[in-house]
Amino acid sequence: MERDFSVLLVKEYQYWSVYLHENQGYLGRCVIWCKRENAIDLPDATATEQAELYLILKKVRSAVARAFGPDWFNYAFFGNETPHLHCHFIPRYAHSRNFAGLAFEDHHWGHDYRTDPTFITPQTVLAAIKAELIAKLG
C-alpha cells in the first residue's frame, strides 16, 4: 500500500512541493520534491526547476531559522530508496531544542548526518511543526 504524504504538505510551488519529513529527529527536516514525474537526477533539472529550487531552499532555510533556530543546514540529494529528484533539507543543532513539549537532540552534531529510525514524532507534534513552517513560509 502506498503511503499518503499529502498530510505532510507544507507548501506547493510551480515545480516543487515542500513536505515535512515524518521523522523529525532533526527538528524542521523537510523534503523538497520535484513535481515532474520523470525527474530523476539533480543535473537533469531544467533551468526553471533549478531556479525555483534555489529560491525554495532560501525560503525554507529562512523559515526554519526563524521557527527553530538551527546552527547549520545540510542538503542531500540521495535517491537511493526513492529514485526521484528530491532534496532532504536537514537543519542541524549544536544544542538541544524543545518544541511542542518534545526535546530534540542532534546526536551527530559536527559529524555525519544519520536518521535515527527509532525516533517517533507524535502526530500532534508533526502538526505543530507543520503549522509553524506554514506560518513562517507565508
N, C-alpha and C. Protein backbone atom coordinates (compact mmCIF):
# COMPACT_ATOMS: atom_id res chain seq x y z
N MET A 1 0.84 -1.18 0.00
CA MET A 1 0.00 0.00 0.00
C MET A 1 0.89 1.25 0.00
N GLU A 2 0.62 2.18 -0.90
CA GLU A 2 1.37 3.42 -0.94
C GLU A 2 0.94 4.32 0.20
N ARG A 3 1.93 5.03 0.75
CA ARG A 3 1.63 5.95 1.85
C ARG A 3 1.19 7.29 1.30
N ASP A 4 0.31 7.95 2.02
CA ASP A 4 -0.21 9.25 1.62
C ASP A 4 0.57 10.34 2.36
N PHE A 5 1.47 11.00 1.63
CA PHE A 5 2.29 12.05 2.23
C PHE A 5 1.62 13.41 2.17
N SER A 6 0.42 13.48 1.59
CA SER A 6 -0.23 14.78 1.43
C SER A 6 -0.50 15.46 2.77
N VAL A 7 -0.65 14.68 3.83
CA VAL A 7 -0.88 15.28 5.15
C VAL A 7 0.35 16.03 5.65
N LEU A 8 1.51 15.76 5.05
CA LEU A 8 2.75 16.42 5.44
C LEU A 8 3.11 17.60 4.53
N LEU A 9 2.24 17.91 3.57
CA LEU A 9 2.50 19.00 2.64
C LEU A 9 2.54 20.34 3.39
N VAL A 10 3.62 21.07 3.18
CA VAL A 10 3.79 22.39 3.79
C VAL A 10 3.45 23.48 2.79
N LYS A 11 3.98 23.36 1.57
CA LYS A 11 3.71 24.40 0.57
C LYS A 11 3.97 23.86 -0.84
N GLU A 12 3.13 24.31 -1.78
CA GLU A 12 3.26 23.96 -3.20
C GLU A 12 3.87 25.15 -3.93
N TYR A 13 4.76 24.81 -4.85
CA TYR A 13 5.31 25.79 -5.78
C TYR A 13 5.03 25.28 -7.19
N GLN A 14 5.44 26.00 -8.20
CA GLN A 14 5.12 25.58 -9.56
C GLN A 14 5.77 24.24 -9.91
N TYR A 15 7.05 24.07 -9.57
CA TYR A 15 7.78 22.87 -9.98
C TYR A 15 8.12 21.93 -8.81
N TRP A 16 7.94 22.39 -7.60
CA TRP A 16 8.35 21.64 -6.42
C TRP A 16 7.28 21.70 -5.35
N SER A 17 7.31 20.70 -4.46
CA SER A 17 6.45 20.70 -3.27
C SER A 17 7.34 20.51 -2.06
N VAL A 18 6.99 21.19 -0.97
CA VAL A 18 7.74 21.08 0.28
C VAL A 18 6.89 20.27 1.26
N TYR A 19 7.50 19.18 1.77
CA TYR A 19 6.84 18.31 2.74
C TYR A 19 7.65 18.27 4.02
N LEU A 20 6.97 18.17 5.12
CA LEU A 20 7.63 17.90 6.38
C LEU A 20 8.02 16.43 6.39
N HIS A 21 9.24 16.12 6.79
CA HIS A 21 9.64 14.71 6.89
C HIS A 21 8.98 14.13 8.13
N GLU A 22 8.46 12.90 8.01
CA GLU A 22 7.74 12.30 9.14
C GLU A 22 8.64 12.00 10.33
N ASN A 23 9.94 11.84 10.11
CA ASN A 23 10.89 11.64 11.20
C ASN A 23 11.55 12.99 11.48
N GLN A 24 11.14 13.61 12.56
CA GLN A 24 11.66 14.92 12.94
C GLN A 24 12.80 14.82 13.95
N GLY A 25 13.60 13.77 13.85
CA GLY A 25 14.80 13.66 14.68
C GLY A 25 15.68 14.89 14.52
N TYR A 26 15.58 15.55 13.37
CA TYR A 26 16.21 16.83 13.11
C TYR A 26 15.05 17.82 12.93
N LEU A 27 14.78 18.59 13.97
CA LEU A 27 13.62 19.48 14.01
C LEU A 27 13.57 20.40 12.79
N GLY A 28 12.47 20.33 12.05
CA GLY A 28 12.29 21.15 10.86
C GLY A 28 12.73 20.47 9.58
N ARG A 29 13.10 19.20 9.65
CA ARG A 29 13.55 18.47 8.46
C ARG A 29 12.42 18.41 7.44
N CYS A 30 12.76 18.70 6.19
CA CYS A 30 11.79 18.71 5.10
C CYS A 30 12.31 17.92 3.91
N VAL A 31 11.40 17.58 3.03
CA VAL A 31 11.72 17.00 1.74
C VAL A 31 11.15 17.94 0.68
N ILE A 32 11.99 18.33 -0.26
CA ILE A 32 11.57 19.21 -1.35
C ILE A 32 11.53 18.34 -2.60
N TRP A 33 10.33 18.11 -3.11
CA TRP A 33 10.05 17.09 -4.13
C TRP A 33 9.76 17.74 -5.48
N CYS A 34 10.46 17.31 -6.52
CA CYS A 34 10.20 17.81 -7.87
C CYS A 34 8.89 17.21 -8.39
N LYS A 35 8.03 18.04 -8.91
CA LYS A 35 6.72 17.58 -9.37
C LYS A 35 6.77 16.84 -10.71
N ARG A 36 7.81 17.08 -11.51
CA ARG A 36 7.89 16.43 -12.82
C ARG A 36 8.10 14.93 -12.61
N GLU A 37 7.21 14.13 -13.21
CA GLU A 37 7.21 12.68 -12.98
C GLU A 37 8.50 12.00 -13.38
N ASN A 38 9.13 12.43 -14.47
CA ASN A 38 10.33 11.75 -14.94
C ASN A 38 11.62 12.41 -14.44
N ALA A 39 11.53 13.23 -13.42
CA ALA A 39 12.71 13.87 -12.84
C ALA A 39 13.43 12.86 -11.95
N ILE A 40 14.69 12.58 -12.28
CA ILE A 40 15.43 11.57 -11.54
C ILE A 40 16.65 12.15 -10.84
N ASP A 41 17.51 12.84 -11.58
CA ASP A 41 18.81 13.25 -11.07
C ASP A 41 18.94 14.77 -11.09
N LEU A 42 19.62 15.33 -10.11
CA LEU A 42 19.74 16.78 -9.98
C LEU A 42 20.27 17.46 -11.23
N PRO A 43 21.33 16.96 -11.88
CA PRO A 43 21.82 17.65 -13.08
C PRO A 43 20.81 17.65 -14.25
N ASP A 44 19.78 16.82 -14.18
CA ASP A 44 18.77 16.79 -15.22
C ASP A 44 17.64 17.80 -15.00
N ALA A 45 17.68 18.51 -13.87
CA ALA A 45 16.65 19.51 -13.60
C ALA A 45 16.73 20.61 -14.66
N THR A 46 15.59 21.08 -15.10
CA THR A 46 15.57 22.16 -16.08
C THR A 46 16.05 23.45 -15.43
N ALA A 47 16.38 24.43 -16.24
CA ALA A 47 16.84 25.72 -15.71
C ALA A 47 15.77 26.36 -14.82
N THR A 48 14.51 26.25 -15.21
CA THR A 48 13.44 26.84 -14.39
C THR A 48 13.24 26.06 -13.10
N GLU A 49 13.39 24.73 -13.15
CA GLU A 49 13.31 23.93 -11.92
C GLU A 49 14.47 24.28 -10.98
N GLN A 50 15.66 24.43 -11.54
CA GLN A 50 16.82 24.78 -10.73
C GLN A 50 16.63 26.13 -10.06
N ALA A 51 16.18 27.11 -10.83
CA ALA A 51 15.99 28.46 -10.28
C ALA A 51 14.97 28.44 -9.15
N GLU A 52 13.86 27.74 -9.36
CA GLU A 52 12.84 27.69 -8.32
C GLU A 52 13.35 26.93 -7.10
N LEU A 53 14.10 25.85 -7.31
CA LEU A 53 14.65 25.09 -6.19
C LEU A 53 15.50 25.97 -5.29
N TYR A 54 16.38 26.78 -5.88
CA TYR A 54 17.24 27.65 -5.07
C TYR A 54 16.42 28.70 -4.32
N LEU A 55 15.40 29.21 -4.93
CA LEU A 55 14.50 30.14 -4.26
C LEU A 55 13.81 29.47 -3.07
N ILE A 56 13.33 28.25 -3.29
CA ILE A 56 12.66 27.50 -2.22
C ILE A 56 13.62 27.19 -1.09
N LEU A 57 14.84 26.76 -1.42
CA LEU A 57 15.83 26.47 -0.38
C LEU A 57 16.08 27.69 0.49
N LYS A 58 16.18 28.85 -0.11
CA LYS A 58 16.38 30.09 0.66
C LYS A 58 15.18 30.37 1.56
N LYS A 59 13.98 30.19 1.02
CA LYS A 59 12.77 30.45 1.79
C LYS A 59 12.61 29.46 2.94
N VAL A 60 12.84 28.18 2.67
CA VAL A 60 12.71 27.17 3.73
C VAL A 60 13.79 27.38 4.79
N ARG A 61 15.01 27.68 4.35
CA ARG A 61 16.09 27.95 5.31
C ARG A 61 15.71 29.11 6.23
N SER A 62 15.19 30.18 5.66
CA SER A 62 14.79 31.34 6.46
C SER A 62 13.65 31.00 7.41
N ALA A 63 12.66 30.27 6.92
CA ALA A 63 11.51 29.90 7.76
C ALA A 63 11.94 29.02 8.92
N VAL A 64 12.77 28.01 8.64
CA VAL A 64 13.22 27.10 9.70
C VAL A 64 14.12 27.84 10.69
N ALA A 65 14.95 28.75 10.19
CA ALA A 65 15.81 29.53 11.08
C ALA A 65 14.98 30.37 12.05
N ARG A 66 13.94 31.00 11.54
CA ARG A 66 13.08 31.82 12.41
C ARG A 66 12.25 30.96 13.36
N ALA A 67 11.85 29.79 12.91
CA ALA A 67 10.99 28.93 13.72
C ALA A 67 11.76 28.19 14.83
N PHE A 68 12.94 27.66 14.50
CA PHE A 68 13.60 26.73 15.42
C PHE A 68 15.05 27.08 15.77
N GLY A 69 15.65 28.03 15.06
CA GLY A 69 17.00 28.48 15.38
C GLY A 69 18.10 27.45 15.23
N PRO A 70 18.15 26.71 14.12
CA PRO A 70 19.24 25.76 13.95
C PRO A 70 20.59 26.47 13.79
N ASP A 71 21.66 25.70 13.96
CA ASP A 71 23.01 26.24 13.86
C ASP A 71 23.65 26.03 12.49
N TRP A 72 23.07 25.14 11.70
CA TRP A 72 23.62 24.82 10.38
C TRP A 72 22.54 24.12 9.57
N PHE A 73 22.78 23.96 8.27
CA PHE A 73 21.83 23.28 7.40
C PHE A 73 22.58 22.30 6.50
N ASN A 74 22.01 21.13 6.31
CA ASN A 74 22.52 20.15 5.35
C ASN A 74 21.48 19.97 4.26
N TYR A 75 21.97 19.71 3.04
CA TYR A 75 21.11 19.48 1.88
C TYR A 75 21.60 18.19 1.23
N ALA A 76 20.70 17.25 1.01
CA ALA A 76 21.11 15.95 0.46
C ALA A 76 20.19 15.53 -0.67
N PHE A 77 20.80 15.06 -1.75
CA PHE A 77 20.08 14.55 -2.92
C PHE A 77 20.51 13.10 -3.12
N PHE A 78 19.93 12.19 -2.36
CA PHE A 78 20.36 10.80 -2.40
C PHE A 78 19.68 10.00 -3.52
N GLY A 79 18.40 9.78 -3.40
CA GLY A 79 17.66 8.99 -4.38
C GLY A 79 17.90 7.50 -4.28
N ASN A 80 18.53 7.04 -3.20
CA ASN A 80 18.83 5.62 -3.06
C ASN A 80 17.57 4.77 -2.87
N GLU A 81 16.71 5.19 -1.97
CA GLU A 81 15.48 4.44 -1.70
C GLU A 81 14.35 4.86 -2.62
N THR A 82 14.34 6.13 -2.99
CA THR A 82 13.29 6.67 -3.85
C THR A 82 13.96 7.35 -5.04
N PRO A 83 14.08 6.66 -6.17
CA PRO A 83 14.77 7.22 -7.33
C PRO A 83 13.94 8.28 -8.05
N HIS A 84 13.80 9.42 -7.40
CA HIS A 84 13.09 10.57 -7.95
C HIS A 84 13.81 11.80 -7.43
N LEU A 85 13.83 12.88 -8.20
CA LEU A 85 14.54 14.09 -7.81
C LEU A 85 13.88 14.75 -6.61
N HIS A 86 14.60 14.76 -5.50
CA HIS A 86 14.13 15.42 -4.29
C HIS A 86 15.33 15.77 -3.42
N CYS A 87 15.12 16.74 -2.56
CA CYS A 87 16.17 17.22 -1.66
C CYS A 87 15.73 16.99 -0.22
N HIS A 88 16.63 16.43 0.57
CA HIS A 88 16.42 16.35 2.01
C HIS A 88 17.04 17.61 2.61
N PHE A 89 16.20 18.43 3.22
CA PHE A 89 16.62 19.66 3.88
C PHE A 89 16.72 19.33 5.37
N ILE A 90 17.93 19.39 5.92
CA ILE A 90 18.17 18.88 7.27
C ILE A 90 18.80 19.96 8.15
N PRO A 91 18.02 20.57 9.04
CA PRO A 91 18.59 21.53 9.98
C PRO A 91 19.45 20.79 11.01
N ARG A 92 20.54 21.41 11.43
CA ARG A 92 21.45 20.80 12.40
C ARG A 92 21.56 21.69 13.63
N TYR A 93 21.72 21.07 14.79
CA TYR A 93 21.66 21.77 16.06
C TYR A 93 22.83 21.40 16.96
N ALA A 94 23.55 22.42 17.43
CA ALA A 94 24.66 22.21 18.35
C ALA A 94 24.15 21.83 19.74
N HIS A 95 22.96 22.30 20.08
CA HIS A 95 22.37 22.04 21.40
C HIS A 95 20.91 21.64 21.23
N SER A 96 20.38 21.01 22.25
CA SER A 96 19.01 20.52 22.17
C SER A 96 18.02 21.68 22.02
N ARG A 97 16.89 21.36 21.43
CA ARG A 97 15.79 22.30 21.28
C ARG A 97 14.53 21.64 21.81
N ASN A 98 13.65 22.43 22.37
CA ASN A 98 12.35 21.94 22.82
C ASN A 98 11.29 22.62 21.98
N PHE A 99 10.36 21.82 21.51
CA PHE A 99 9.25 22.36 20.73
C PHE A 99 8.04 21.48 20.97
N ALA A 100 6.91 22.10 21.24
CA ALA A 100 5.64 21.39 21.44
C ALA A 100 5.77 20.29 22.49
N GLY A 101 6.56 20.57 23.53
CA GLY A 101 6.68 19.63 24.64
C GLY A 101 7.63 18.46 24.39
N LEU A 102 8.39 18.50 23.30
CA LEU A 102 9.30 17.40 22.97
C LEU A 102 10.72 17.94 22.83
N ALA A 103 11.69 17.20 23.38
CA ALA A 103 13.09 17.58 23.26
C ALA A 103 13.68 16.97 21.99
N PHE A 104 14.40 17.78 21.25
CA PHE A 104 15.05 17.36 20.02
C PHE A 104 16.56 17.46 20.22
N GLU A 105 17.28 16.36 20.04
CA GLU A 105 18.73 16.30 20.21
C GLU A 105 19.37 15.88 18.89
N ASP A 106 20.35 16.65 18.45
CA ASP A 106 21.12 16.29 17.26
C ASP A 106 22.36 15.54 17.75
N HIS A 107 22.23 14.23 17.88
CA HIS A 107 23.30 13.40 18.44
C HIS A 107 24.52 13.32 17.54
N HIS A 108 24.39 13.73 16.30
CA HIS A 108 25.50 13.65 15.35
C HIS A 108 26.03 15.04 14.98
N TRP A 109 25.70 16.06 15.79
CA TRP A 109 26.18 17.41 15.50
C TRP A 109 27.70 17.38 15.31
N GLY A 110 28.15 18.04 14.27
CA GLY A 110 29.58 18.11 13.98
C GLY A 110 30.12 16.89 13.27
N HIS A 111 29.23 15.95 12.96
CA HIS A 111 29.62 14.72 12.28
C HIS A 111 28.62 14.44 11.17
N ASP A 112 28.67 13.24 10.66
CA ASP A 112 27.75 12.85 9.60
C ASP A 112 26.31 12.92 10.06
N TYR A 113 25.45 13.10 9.07
CA TYR A 113 24.01 13.05 9.30
C TYR A 113 23.57 11.60 9.28
N ARG A 114 22.78 11.20 10.25
CA ARG A 114 22.18 9.86 10.26
C ARG A 114 20.77 9.97 10.81
N THR A 115 19.84 9.34 10.14
CA THR A 115 18.48 9.29 10.64
C THR A 115 18.39 8.24 11.73
N ASP A 116 17.76 8.60 12.84
CA ASP A 116 17.50 7.64 13.91
C ASP A 116 16.11 7.05 13.66
N PRO A 117 16.04 5.83 13.13
CA PRO A 117 14.73 5.26 12.80
C PRO A 117 13.86 4.98 14.02
N THR A 118 14.45 5.02 15.21
CA THR A 118 13.66 4.79 16.43
C THR A 118 13.00 6.06 16.95
N PHE A 119 13.37 7.22 16.37
CA PHE A 119 12.77 8.48 16.80
C PHE A 119 11.36 8.58 16.22
N ILE A 120 10.39 8.61 17.08
CA ILE A 120 8.99 8.70 16.66
C ILE A 120 8.49 10.11 16.97
N THR A 121 7.98 10.77 15.95
CA THR A 121 7.41 12.10 16.14
C THR A 121 5.90 11.95 16.29
N PRO A 122 5.36 12.26 17.47
CA PRO A 122 3.90 12.15 17.64
C PRO A 122 3.16 13.03 16.63
N GLN A 123 1.99 12.57 16.21
CA GLN A 123 1.20 13.29 15.21
C GLN A 123 0.89 14.73 15.64
N THR A 124 0.66 14.94 16.93
CA THR A 124 0.36 16.30 17.40
C THR A 124 1.57 17.21 17.23
N VAL A 125 2.77 16.66 17.44
CA VAL A 125 3.99 17.45 17.28
C VAL A 125 4.25 17.70 15.79
N LEU A 126 4.03 16.68 14.95
CA LEU A 126 4.16 16.89 13.50
C LEU A 126 3.25 18.01 13.04
N ALA A 127 2.02 18.00 13.51
CA ALA A 127 1.06 19.03 13.13
C ALA A 127 1.51 20.41 13.60
N ALA A 128 2.09 20.50 14.79
CA ALA A 128 2.56 21.78 15.31
C ALA A 128 3.77 22.29 14.52
N ILE A 129 4.69 21.40 14.17
CA ILE A 129 5.85 21.79 13.37
C ILE A 129 5.40 22.26 12.00
N LYS A 130 4.51 21.50 11.38
CA LYS A 130 3.98 21.86 10.06
C LYS A 130 3.30 23.23 10.12
N ALA A 131 2.47 23.46 11.11
CA ALA A 131 1.78 24.75 11.25
C ALA A 131 2.77 25.90 11.41
N GLU A 132 3.81 25.66 12.17
CA GLU A 132 4.84 26.70 12.37
C GLU A 132 5.55 27.02 11.05
N LEU A 133 5.88 26.00 10.27
CA LEU A 133 6.54 26.23 9.00
C LEU A 133 5.62 26.93 8.00
N ILE A 134 4.37 26.51 7.96
CA ILE A 134 3.40 27.17 7.07
C ILE A 134 3.30 28.65 7.42
N ALA A 135 3.24 28.95 8.72
CA ALA A 135 3.14 30.35 9.15
C ALA A 135 4.38 31.14 8.77
N LYS A 136 5.55 30.53 8.91
CA LYS A 136 6.79 31.24 8.61
C LYS A 136 7.03 31.38 7.09
N LEU A 137 6.55 30.41 6.31
CA LEU A 137 6.71 30.49 4.85
C LEU A 137 5.73 31.46 4.21
N GLY A 138 4.62 31.71 4.93
CA GLY A 138 3.63 32.65 4.43
C GLY A 138 2.81 32.17 3.27
